[in-house]
Amino acid sequence: MRICSLIPGATEVIAALGLEHELVGITHECDFPPSVRRVPIMIESLVEGDHTTSAAIDQRVKELVAAGSPLYRLNEEAFHRAQPDLILIQDLCHVCSVTPDQLSKAMQSLRRRPDLLTLSPTSVNDMIGDVERIAQAVGTPEQGKRLAADLRHRLDRVRSQTEPRSRPRVVCLEWLDPLYVAGHWVPDMIDLAGGQDVLGSKGTPSQHTTWHDVEKAQPDVVVVIPCGYTIDRTIKELMRVGHAQEAWQRATESWPDLYIVDAGSYFSRPGPRLVDGVELLAAMLHPRHDQPIDPTKAIKLGASTLVGDRTP
């Protein structure tokens, strides 16, 4: 089967099912496992994201949306060459990838119409259900059931370890400037990890917030998960001079348990690694001396970390 995956999380599912060799198209954000980077890229972002700030990205997205312009470009020539039998897409967040409507014209140029599987998960359970749906669509239902069972078993293990304990108050921030509280599956992840999300709501989009709102919520733990960011990229942005940097420095004093995580790997994508994210959250919310947090996955932020570039 020739599979075109236009969602990074779905690409990870295909690889986990052992079908990476059947991929004929991916997006510019599909990078796990690293070997998928050999697959032709079908989707490119029209918003520069690698070398700019979260504030600039937010402004550019708002400009394109206001103008009715697309945020992504489909490489129609590469798409036509791929001739996919199955296309995996999402219809949950139009800021994250192309939508089904954008594909309609390009699909008309194909010799035969491919099957289209649209995914719109809003919880961890939805994601696991999508693993089974994808496996069914690619003809490997039993492999999908085994992968889903393993993910559910890991969640049960986290639950058994955290249920007897108190549930700390948690705020998850999904964007740096302006501040956004994480939504969709993240509040569910916090609940599964033994925490209480005091600003986010399960199954709803991310919401704009303010430092005042965060302070009023009185969190015990603040987790910083800017969508798609690595730990290094988040730190570099927080080190920038100005009012935003000062606000983050004050935040480290207000909440000593403030963590930065590899959001792109464990929180932003509704794929199997969301379960890794739940396990990571559990380690932050219910720390154990015999199970230190892997610094490549998450670090505790201190005010000294933010003493960086003083140039405007």
Protein backbone atom coordinates (compact mmCIF):
# COMPACT_ATOMS: atom_id res chain seq x y z
CA MET A 1 0.00 0.00 0.00
CA ARG A 2 1.17 3.52 -0.80
CA ILE A 3 0.56 5.70 2.25
CA CYS A 4 0.67 9.48 2.43
CA SER A 5 0.67 10.68 6.06
CA LEU A 6 0.01 14.39 6.49
CA ILE A 7 0.07 14.25 10.31
CA PRO A 8 3.31 13.69 12.27
CA GLY A 9 1.51 11.63 14.92
CA ALA A 10 0.02 9.33 12.27
CA THR A 11 3.46 8.96 10.66
CA GLU A 12 4.73 7.71 14.01
CA VAL A 13 1.89 5.19 14.15
CA ILE A 14 2.73 3.88 10.67
CA ALA A 15 6.36 3.43 11.72
CA ALA A 16 5.34 1.72 14.98
CA LEU A 17 3.25 -0.72 12.93
CA GLY A 18 6.35 -1.62 10.91
CA LEU A 19 5.04 -0.03 7.70
CA GLU A 20 7.47 2.84 7.29
CA HIS A 21 8.58 1.36 3.95
CA GLU A 22 5.06 1.98 2.58
CA LEU A 23 5.17 5.74 3.17
CA VAL A 24 5.27 7.76 -0.05
CA GLY A 25 4.62 11.21 1.41
CA ILE A 26 4.92 13.07 4.73
CA THR A 27 4.89 16.65 6.05
CA HIS A 28 7.84 18.90 6.83
CA GLU A 29 7.25 18.21 10.55
CA CYS A 30 7.44 14.41 10.33
CA ASP A 31 10.79 13.58 11.91
CA PHE A 32 10.23 10.52 14.10
CA PRO A 33 11.62 8.01 13.79
CA PRO A 34 14.51 9.89 12.10
CA SER A 35 14.53 7.37 9.24
CA VAL A 36 11.23 8.78 7.89
CA ARG A 37 13.10 11.85 6.67
CA ARG A 38 13.97 9.90 3.52
CA VAL A 39 10.28 10.05 2.48
CA PRO A 40 9.24 12.85 0.06
CA ILE A 41 7.75 15.91 1.79
CA MET A 42 4.29 16.87 0.57
CA ILE A 43 3.44 19.74 2.94
CA GLU A 44 5.39 22.93 3.60
CA SER A 45 4.52 25.70 6.06
CA LEU A 46 3.99 29.23 4.81
CA VAL A 47 4.87 30.56 8.26
CA GLU A 48 8.56 30.82 9.12
CA GLY A 49 8.93 29.01 12.40
CA ASP A 50 12.51 27.91 12.87
CA HIS A 51 14.26 31.25 13.21
CA THR A 52 11.67 33.54 14.74
CA THR A 53 9.87 34.13 18.02
CA SER A 54 6.55 32.80 19.24
CA ALA A 55 5.16 36.35 19.14
CA ALA A 56 6.16 36.75 15.48
CA ILE A 57 4.70 33.34 14.60
CA ASP A 58 1.44 34.21 16.33
CA GLN A 59 1.23 37.53 14.47
CA ARG A 60 1.92 35.94 11.08
CA VAL A 61 -0.68 33.22 11.60
CA LYS A 62 -3.29 35.80 12.56
CA GLU A 63 -2.47 37.86 9.44
CA LEU A 64 -2.85 34.87 7.11
CA VAL A 65 -6.08 33.75 8.77
CA ALA A 66 -7.54 37.27 8.59
CA ALA A 67 -6.65 37.43 4.89
CA GLY A 68 -8.22 34.04 4.22
CA SER A 69 -4.85 32.69 3.08
CA PRO A 70 -3.68 29.11 3.62
CA LEU A 71 -1.03 28.38 6.24
CA TYR A 72 0.41 25.43 4.32
CA ARG A 73 1.38 24.63 0.76
CA LEU A 74 0.77 21.24 -0.81
CA ASN A 75 3.46 20.19 -3.28
CA GLU A 76 1.01 19.03 -5.93
CA GLU A 77 3.69 17.74 -8.28
CA ALA A 78 5.20 15.49 -5.60
CA PHE A 79 1.70 14.49 -4.49
CA HIS A 80 0.80 13.47 -8.04
CA ARG A 81 4.01 11.44 -8.38
CA ALA A 82 3.29 9.64 -5.11
CA GLN A 83 -0.10 8.31 -6.29
CA PRO A 84 -1.15 7.31 -2.74
CA ASP A 85 -3.67 4.59 -1.99
CA LEU A 86 -4.36 6.02 1.48
CA ILE A 87 -4.06 9.55 2.87
CA LEU A 88 -4.01 10.25 6.60
CA ILE A 89 -5.11 13.78 7.52
CA GLN A 90 -6.51 15.71 10.48
CA ASP A 91 -9.45 18.07 10.83
CA LEU A 92 -8.87 19.21 14.39
CA CYS A 93 -6.50 22.17 14.15
CA HIS A 94 -6.29 24.22 10.95
CA VAL A 95 -3.12 25.88 12.24
CA CYS A 96 -1.35 22.51 12.39
CA SER A 97 -1.66 21.06 8.88
CA VAL A 98 -3.65 21.07 5.67
CA THR A 99 -7.34 20.33 5.94
CA PRO A 100 -9.47 17.93 3.86
CA ASP A 101 -10.76 20.87 1.79
CA GLN A 102 -7.23 21.78 0.67
CA LEU A 103 -6.67 18.26 -0.64
CA SER A 104 -9.81 18.06 -2.78
CA LYS A 105 -8.39 19.73 -5.90
CA ALA A 106 -5.11 17.83 -5.80
CA MET A 107 -6.88 14.51 -5.41
CA GLN A 108 -8.80 15.12 -8.62
CA SER A 109 -5.54 14.89 -10.58
CA LEU A 110 -4.78 11.36 -9.36
CA ARG A 111 -5.38 8.37 -11.59
CA ARG A 112 -7.64 6.85 -8.96
CA ARG A 113 -9.13 8.39 -5.87
CA PRO A 114 -7.31 7.27 -2.71
CA ASP A 115 -8.96 6.36 0.56
CA LEU A 116 -9.01 9.22 3.06
CA LEU A 117 -8.78 8.67 6.81
CA THR A 118 -9.47 11.81 8.85
CA LEU A 119 -8.31 11.90 12.47
CA SER A 120 -9.55 14.37 15.09
CA PRO A 121 -8.47 13.09 18.52
CA THR A 122 -9.20 15.25 21.57
CA SER A 123 -8.07 12.81 24.27
CA VAL A 124 -5.42 10.17 24.88
CA ASN A 125 -8.08 7.49 24.50
CA ASP A 126 -9.06 8.97 21.12
CA MET A 127 -5.42 8.74 20.04
CA ILE A 128 -5.23 5.08 21.03
CA GLY A 129 -8.47 4.44 19.16
CA ASP A 130 -6.92 6.12 16.11
CA VAL A 131 -3.98 3.70 16.33
CA GLU A 132 -6.47 0.88 15.81
CA ARG A 133 -8.30 2.79 13.05
CA ILE A 134 -5.04 3.39 11.18
CA ALA A 135 -4.00 -0.24 11.58
CA GLN A 136 -7.39 -1.34 10.20
CA ALA A 137 -7.03 1.00 7.22
CA VAL A 138 -3.56 -0.30 6.32
CA GLY A 139 -4.53 -3.95 6.70
CA THR A 140 -2.75 -4.77 9.97
CA PRO A 141 -5.57 -4.81 12.55
CA GLU A 142 -3.90 -7.30 14.89
CA GLN A 143 -0.71 -5.24 15.07
CA GLY A 144 -2.83 -2.22 15.87
CA LYS A 145 -4.62 -4.06 18.67
CA ARG A 146 -1.28 -5.13 20.19
CA LEU A 147 0.14 -1.60 20.03
CA ALA A 148 -3.05 -0.13 21.53
CA ALA A 149 -3.05 -2.74 24.31
CA ASP A 150 0.56 -1.91 25.19
CA LEU A 151 -0.24 1.83 25.35
CA ARG A 152 -3.26 1.18 27.60
CA HIS A 153 -1.18 -1.10 29.84
CA ARG A 154 1.40 1.66 30.33
CA LEU A 155 -1.35 4.14 31.26
CA ASP A 156 -2.81 1.66 33.76
CA ARG A 157 0.63 1.32 35.34
CA VAL A 158 0.92 5.11 35.72
CA ARG A 159 -2.56 5.27 37.23
CA SER A 160 -1.78 2.54 39.76
CA GLN A 161 1.35 4.42 40.86
CA THR A 162 -0.27 7.85 41.22
CA GLU A 163 -3.85 7.20 42.36
CA PRO A 164 -3.05 6.86 46.09
CA ARG A 165 -1.32 10.25 46.12
CA SER A 166 -2.64 13.81 46.33
CA ARG A 167 -3.26 15.53 43.00
CA PRO A 168 -1.10 18.66 42.55
CA ARG A 169 -2.57 21.71 40.83
CA VAL A 170 -1.08 22.04 37.34
CA VAL A 171 -0.94 24.69 34.62
CA CYS A 172 0.34 23.69 31.17
CA LEU A 173 1.36 26.61 28.95
CA GLU A 174 1.30 25.78 25.24
CA TRP A 175 2.60 29.09 23.87
CA LEU A 176 5.07 31.65 25.18
CA ASP A 177 4.00 35.00 23.75
CA PRO A 178 1.10 35.47 24.00
CA LEU A 179 0.46 32.92 26.73
CA TYR A 180 -1.84 30.04 25.89
CA VAL A 181 -3.15 27.29 28.13
CA ALA A 182 -2.93 23.84 26.55
CA GLY A 183 -6.18 22.15 25.54
CA HIS A 184 -7.34 19.11 23.56
CA TRP A 185 -5.61 16.01 24.99
CA VAL A 186 -3.21 17.77 27.41
CA PRO A 187 -5.69 18.21 30.32
CA ASP A 188 -6.49 14.51 29.90
CA MET A 189 -2.76 13.71 30.10
CA ILE A 190 -2.49 15.69 33.34
CA ASP A 191 -5.43 13.77 34.82
CA LEU A 192 -3.92 10.42 33.79
CA ALA A 193 -0.60 11.45 35.37
CA GLY A 194 -2.26 12.15 38.71
CA GLY A 195 -2.61 15.92 38.48
CA GLN A 196 -5.39 18.50 38.41
CA ASP A 197 -5.42 20.91 35.46
CA VAL A 198 -6.60 24.21 36.95
CA LEU A 199 -6.86 26.27 33.74
CA GLY A 200 -7.25 23.90 30.78
CA SER A 201 -10.38 21.93 29.84
CA LYS A 202 -10.46 18.45 28.37
CA GLY A 203 -11.34 18.21 24.70
CA THR A 204 -11.38 21.96 24.04
CA PRO A 205 -8.91 24.07 22.00
CA SER A 206 -6.02 25.90 23.62
CA GLN A 207 -7.07 29.20 25.19
CA HIS A 208 -5.37 32.56 25.57
CA THR A 209 -4.43 33.38 29.15
CA THR A 210 -2.48 35.96 31.17
CA TRP A 211 0.06 35.89 33.98
CA HIS A 212 -2.69 37.17 36.25
CA ASP A 213 -4.86 34.16 35.39
CA VAL A 214 -1.96 31.79 36.05
CA GLU A 215 -1.20 33.40 39.41
CA LYS A 216 -4.87 33.35 40.40
CA ALA A 217 -5.05 29.60 39.63
CA GLN A 218 -2.37 28.98 42.30
CA PRO A 219 -0.62 26.08 40.57
CA ASP A 220 1.75 23.77 42.40
CA VAL A 221 3.47 22.87 39.13
CA VAL A 222 3.79 24.82 35.87
CA VAL A 223 4.75 22.89 32.73
CA VAL A 224 5.89 24.81 29.64
CA ILE A 225 5.08 22.96 26.39
CA PRO A 226 5.17 25.44 23.48
CA CYS A 227 3.68 23.62 20.50
CA GLY A 228 6.37 21.83 18.49
CA TYR A 229 9.30 23.30 20.47
CA THR A 230 12.33 21.46 21.80
CA ILE A 231 13.78 22.24 25.23
CA ASP A 232 16.70 24.19 23.70
CA ARG A 233 14.45 26.30 21.53
CA THR A 234 12.19 27.18 24.45
CA ILE A 235 15.12 28.21 26.64
CA LYS A 236 16.64 30.35 23.89
CA GLU A 237 13.39 32.23 23.48
CA LEU A 238 12.87 32.71 27.21
CA MET A 239 16.39 34.17 27.44
CA ARG A 240 15.51 37.06 25.12
CA VAL A 241 15.66 40.47 26.74
CA GLY A 242 12.52 42.44 27.51
CA HIS A 243 9.27 42.39 29.46
CA ALA A 244 8.49 38.78 28.54
CA GLN A 245 11.82 37.58 29.92
CA GLU A 246 11.24 39.46 33.17
CA ALA A 247 7.81 37.84 33.50
CA TRP A 248 9.32 34.38 33.12
CA GLN A 249 12.01 35.17 35.68
CA ARG A 250 9.31 36.18 38.17
CA ALA A 251 7.47 32.96 37.34
CA THR A 252 10.45 30.83 38.38
CA GLU A 253 10.37 32.58 41.77
CA SER A 254 6.61 32.10 42.19
CA TRP A 255 6.60 28.44 41.16
CA PRO A 256 9.84 26.56 41.93
CA ASP A 257 8.37 23.50 40.24
CA LEU A 258 8.40 25.00 36.74
CA TYR A 259 9.42 22.58 34.01
CA ILE A 260 10.30 22.91 30.34
CA VAL A 261 9.71 19.78 28.29
CA ASP A 262 10.38 18.53 24.80
CA ALA A 263 6.89 19.44 23.64
CA GLY A 264 7.35 18.44 20.01
CA SER A 265 8.12 14.87 21.02
CA TYR A 266 5.77 14.22 23.93
CA PHE A 267 2.84 16.66 23.92
CA SER A 268 2.17 18.40 20.59
CA ARG A 269 1.46 15.36 18.43
CA PRO A 270 -1.45 12.99 19.04
CA GLY A 271 0.55 9.80 18.53
CA PRO A 272 1.94 6.94 20.65
CA ARG A 273 4.48 9.20 22.35
CA LEU A 274 1.67 10.99 24.20
CA VAL A 275 1.90 8.04 26.57
CA ASP A 276 5.58 8.87 27.07
CA GLY A 277 4.32 12.37 27.90
CA VAL A 278 1.93 11.03 30.53
CA GLU A 279 4.79 9.05 32.10
CA LEU A 280 6.95 12.17 32.04
CA LEU A 281 4.21 14.26 33.68
CA ALA A 282 3.80 11.63 36.39
CA ALA A 283 7.53 11.86 37.13
CA MET A 284 7.26 15.65 37.48
CA LEU A 285 4.06 15.67 39.54
CA HIS A 286 5.03 12.74 41.77
CA PRO A 287 8.85 12.75 41.83
CA ARG A 288 10.79 9.76 43.10
CA HIS A 289 14.47 9.81 44.05
CA ASP A 290 15.04 6.43 42.42
CA GLN A 291 13.53 7.61 39.11
CA PRO A 292 15.20 10.89 38.06
CA ILE A 293 13.77 12.80 35.10
CA ASP A 294 15.68 12.40 31.86
CA PRO A 295 17.11 15.90 31.10
CA THR A 296 16.69 15.31 27.38
CA LYS A 297 12.93 15.13 27.99
CA ALA A 298 12.35 17.76 30.69
CA ILE A 299 14.29 20.15 32.91
CA LYS A 300 13.36 22.22 35.93
CA LEU A 301 13.68 25.92 35.11
CA GLY A 302 15.49 28.30 37.43
CA ALA A 303 15.86 32.09 37.25
CA SER A 304 19.58 31.75 36.56
CA THR A 305 18.79 29.82 33.39
CA LEU A 306 17.21 32.95 31.91
CA VAL A 307 20.22 35.23 32.23
CA GLY A 308 20.88 35.44 28.54
CA ASP A 309 21.14 37.87 25.66
CA ARG A 310 20.72 41.44 26.93
CA THR A 311 20.61 42.90 23.43
CA PRO A 312 17.22 44.33 22.36
